[in-house]
Amino acid sequence: MTGGNFYRKVRKQLKPAKWLARVWTNKKLSAAFAVGFILLLYAFFNNNGILQRIRLEHAKKELEEKIEHAQQEQKQLLDQSKALDGDKEAIEKVAREKYGMIRSGEKVYRVAPKK
């Protein structure tokens, strides 16, 4: 075995300027390139394109988060409603905290915020 028989062949590298010149001079290749470019633009920017799909996926994610938040709020309100059904202490707590109600003979003191 001799060491000189196993060299790899060096390929010519196609520079972008030469590639564009080749595409421009070859009518079939330039037509295929133009059609491919138009199809690519259509795939991205039409009403059912990739960009629209991304926008819709983002909107869907936001709506799902809003739905989840509303469901949690609904569950909390149902729990509060069940607690208020028969518990007088819970009813009094809500009346005092939320509506500012007081018993007869009580005085309410409010603390003014510092300026």
C-alpha atoms as a PDB file:
ATOM      1  CA  MET A   1       0.000   0.000   0.000  1.00  0.00           C
ATOM      2  CA  THR A   2       1.140   3.400  -0.886  1.00  0.00           C
ATOM      3  CA  GLY A   3       0.028   6.476   0.982  1.00  0.00           C
ATOM      4  CA  GLY A   4      -0.684   8.586  -2.113  1.00  0.00           C
ATOM      5  CA  ASN A   5      -3.735   6.644  -3.332  1.00  0.00           C
ATOM      6  CA  PHE A   6      -6.149   7.618  -0.575  1.00  0.00           C
ATOM      7  CA  TYR A   7      -6.492  11.358  -0.963  1.00  0.00           C
ATOM      8  CA  ARG A   8      -9.933  12.826  -1.039  1.00  0.00           C
ATOM      9  CA  LYS A   9     -10.947  14.721  -4.143  1.00  0.00           C
ATOM     10  CA  VAL A  10     -11.304  18.437  -3.619  1.00  0.00           C
ATOM     11  CA  ARG A  11     -14.688  19.738  -4.704  1.00  0.00           C
ATOM     12  CA  LYS A  12     -15.151  23.104  -6.232  1.00  0.00           C
ATOM     13  CA  GLN A  13     -16.973  25.394  -3.883  1.00  0.00           C
ATOM     14  CA  LEU A  14     -19.835  27.241  -5.483  1.00  0.00           C
ATOM     15  CA  LYS A  15     -19.753  30.885  -4.426  1.00  0.00           C
ATOM     16  CA  PRO A  16     -23.060  32.745  -4.037  1.00  0.00           C
ATOM     17  CA  ALA A  17     -22.273  35.172  -6.856  1.00  0.00           C
ATOM     18  CA  LYS A  18     -21.529  32.309  -9.266  1.00  0.00           C
ATOM     19  CA  TRP A  19     -24.618  30.419  -8.112  1.00  0.00           C
ATOM     20  CA  LEU A  20     -26.842  33.453  -8.738  1.00  0.00           C
ATOM     21  CA  ALA A  21     -25.262  33.939 -12.159  1.00  0.00           C
ATOM     22  CA  ARG A  22     -25.918  30.291 -12.949  1.00  0.00           C
ATOM     23  CA  VAL A  23     -29.556  30.582 -11.842  1.00  0.00           C
ATOM     24  CA  TRP A  24     -30.016  33.799 -13.830  1.00  0.00           C
ATOM     25  CA  THR A  25     -28.657  32.329 -17.056  1.00  0.00           C
ATOM     26  CA  ASN A  26     -30.519  29.021 -16.800  1.00  0.00           C
ATOM     27  CA  LYS A  27     -34.180  29.749 -17.638  1.00  0.00           C
ATOM     28  CA  LYS A  28     -35.627  26.565 -16.134  1.00  0.00           C
ATOM     29  CA  LEU A  29     -33.690  26.947 -12.922  1.00  0.00           C
ATOM     30  CA  SER A  30     -34.623  30.620 -12.570  1.00  0.00           C
ATOM     31  CA  ALA A  31     -38.311  29.832 -13.231  1.00  0.00           C
ATOM     32  CA  ALA A  32     -38.219  27.073 -10.614  1.00  0.00           C
ATOM     33  CA  PHE A  33     -36.533  29.456  -8.185  1.00  0.00           C
ATOM     34  CA  ALA A  34     -39.188  32.154  -8.793  1.00  0.00           C
ATOM     35  CA  VAL A  35     -42.069  29.686  -8.381  1.00  0.00           C
ATOM     36  CA  GLY A  36     -40.520  28.290  -5.218  1.00  0.00           C
ATOM     37  CA  PHE A  37     -40.056  31.787  -3.808  1.00  0.00           C
ATOM     38  CA  ILE A  38     -43.676  32.704  -4.558  1.00  0.00           C
ATOM     39  CA  LEU A  39     -44.918  29.472  -2.945  1.00  0.00           C
ATOM     40  CA  LEU A  40     -42.785  30.181   0.115  1.00  0.00           C
ATOM     41  CA  LEU A  41     -44.241  33.685   0.442  1.00  0.00           C
ATOM     42  CA  TYR A  42     -47.749  32.284   0.018  1.00  0.00           C
ATOM     43  CA  ALA A  43     -47.147  29.645   2.687  1.00  0.00           C
ATOM     44  CA  PHE A  44     -46.041  32.287   5.176  1.00  0.00           C
ATOM     45  CA  PHE A  45     -48.301  35.241   4.517  1.00  0.00           C
ATOM     46  CA  ASN A  46     -51.705  34.005   3.324  1.00  0.00           C
ATOM     47  CA  ASN A  47     -54.758  33.851   5.614  1.00  0.00           C
ATOM     48  CA  ASN A  48     -54.067  30.206   6.487  1.00  0.00           C
ATOM     49  CA  GLY A  49     -50.290  30.586   6.530  1.00  0.00           C
ATOM     50  CA  ILE A  50     -47.651  29.858   9.105  1.00  0.00           C
ATOM     51  CA  LEU A  51     -47.628  33.336  10.650  1.00  0.00           C
ATOM     52  CA  GLN A  52     -51.401  33.307  11.069  1.00  0.00           C
ATOM     53  CA  ARG A  53     -51.137  29.868  12.672  1.00  0.00           C
ATOM     54  CA  ILE A  54     -48.602  31.173  15.183  1.00  0.00           C
ATOM     55  CA  ARG A  55     -50.860  34.135  16.044  1.00  0.00           C
ATOM     56  CA  LEU A  56     -53.841  31.832  16.548  1.00  0.00           C
ATOM     57  CA  GLU A  57     -51.864  29.454  18.774  1.00  0.00           C
ATOM     58  CA  HIS A  58     -50.786  32.416  20.913  1.00  0.00           C
ATOM     59  CA  ALA A  59     -54.373  33.691  21.189  1.00  0.00           C
ATOM     60  CA  LYS A  60     -55.566  30.173  22.072  1.00  0.00           C
ATOM     61  CA  LYS A  61     -53.019  29.928  24.867  1.00  0.00           C
ATOM     62  CA  GLU A  62     -54.121  33.291  26.307  1.00  0.00           C
ATOM     63  CA  LEU A  63     -57.797  32.280  26.191  1.00  0.00           C
ATOM     64  CA  GLU A  64     -57.064  28.959  27.887  1.00  0.00           C
ATOM     65  CA  GLU A  65     -55.288  30.833  30.685  1.00  0.00           C
ATOM     66  CA  LYS A  66     -58.296  33.158  31.084  1.00  0.00           C
ATOM     67  CA  ILE A  67     -60.638  30.160  31.209  1.00  0.00           C
ATOM     68  CA  GLU A  68     -58.501  28.490  33.871  1.00  0.00           C
ATOM     69  CA  HIS A  69     -58.461  31.691  35.945  1.00  0.00           C
ATOM     70  CA  ALA A  70     -62.254  32.041  35.638  1.00  0.00           C
ATOM     71  CA  GLN A  71     -62.754  28.420  36.693  1.00  0.00           C
ATOM     72  CA  GLN A  72     -60.600  28.943  39.776  1.00  0.00           C
ATOM     73  CA  GLU A  73     -62.545  32.082  40.651  1.00  0.00           C
ATOM     74  CA  GLN A  74     -65.847  30.241  40.156  1.00  0.00           C
ATOM     75  CA  LYS A  75     -64.683  27.415  42.441  1.00  0.00           C
ATOM     76  CA  GLN A  76     -63.685  29.924  45.105  1.00  0.00           C
ATOM     77  CA  LEU A  77     -67.054  31.659  44.907  1.00  0.00           C
ATOM     78  CA  LEU A  78     -68.909  28.335  45.129  1.00  0.00           C
ATOM     79  CA  ASP A  79     -66.910  27.404  48.215  1.00  0.00           C
ATOM     80  CA  GLN A  80     -67.713  30.779  49.746  1.00  0.00           C
ATOM     81  CA  SER A  81     -71.395  30.344  48.884  1.00  0.00           C
ATOM     82  CA  LYS A  82     -71.499  26.916  50.545  1.00  0.00           C
ATOM     83  CA  ALA A  83     -69.813  28.359  53.627  1.00  0.00           C
ATOM     84  CA  LEU A  84     -72.418  31.124  53.862  1.00  0.00           C
ATOM     85  CA  ASP A  85     -75.418  28.773  53.573  1.00  0.00           C
ATOM     86  CA  GLY A  86     -75.795  27.992  57.241  1.00  0.00           C
ATOM     87  CA  ASP A  87     -72.850  29.465  59.126  1.00  0.00           C
ATOM     88  CA  LYS A  88     -73.799  32.675  60.973  1.00  0.00           C
ATOM     89  CA  GLU A  89     -70.171  33.489  61.810  1.00  0.00           C
ATOM     90  CA  ALA A  90     -69.170  33.340  58.142  1.00  0.00           C
ATOM     91  CA  ILE A  91     -72.105  35.576  57.212  1.00  0.00           C
ATOM     92  CA  GLU A  92     -71.112  38.089  59.887  1.00  0.00           C
ATOM     93  CA  LYS A  93     -67.480  38.045  58.737  1.00  0.00           C
ATOM     94  CA  VAL A  94     -68.457  38.805  55.138  1.00  0.00           C
ATOM     95  CA  ALA A  95     -70.889  41.511  56.231  1.00  0.00           C
ATOM     96  CA  ARG A  96     -68.222  43.225  58.330  1.00  0.00           C
ATOM     97  CA  GLU A  97     -65.293  42.912  55.886  1.00  0.00           C
ATOM     98  CA  LYS A  98     -66.980  43.382  52.545  1.00  0.00           C
ATOM     99  CA  TYR A  99     -69.892  45.678  53.343  1.00  0.00           C
ATOM    100  CA  GLY A 100     -68.556  47.509  56.396  1.00  0.00           C
ATOM    101  CA  MET A 101     -71.550  46.624  58.578  1.00  0.00           C
ATOM    102  CA  ILE A 102     -71.377  46.922  62.331  1.00  0.00           C
ATOM    103  CA  ARG A 103     -73.466  45.790  65.285  1.00  0.00           C
ATOM    104  CA  SER A 104     -75.535  48.277  67.177  1.00  0.00           C
ATOM    105  CA  GLY A 105     -73.461  50.097  69.759  1.00  0.00           C
ATOM    106  CA  GLU A 106     -70.125  49.499  68.003  1.00  0.00           C
ATOM    107  CA  LYS A 107     -67.837  52.258  66.757  1.00  0.00           C
ATOM    108  CA  VAL A 108     -65.676  51.971  63.661  1.00  0.00           C
ATOM    109  CA  TYR A 109     -62.194  53.482  63.671  1.00  0.00           C
ATOM    110  CA  ARG A 110     -60.418  53.940  60.385  1.00  0.00           C
ATOM    111  CA  VAL A 111     -56.680  54.510  60.215  1.00  0.00           C
ATOM    112  CA  ALA A 112     -55.641  57.239  57.812  1.00  0.00           C
ATOM    113  CA  PRO A 113     -52.740  56.323  55.522  1.00  0.00           C
ATOM    114  CA  LYS A 114     -49.413  58.101  56.082  1.00  0.00           C
ATOM    115  CA  LYS A 115     -48.541  60.850  53.617  1.00  0.00           C
END
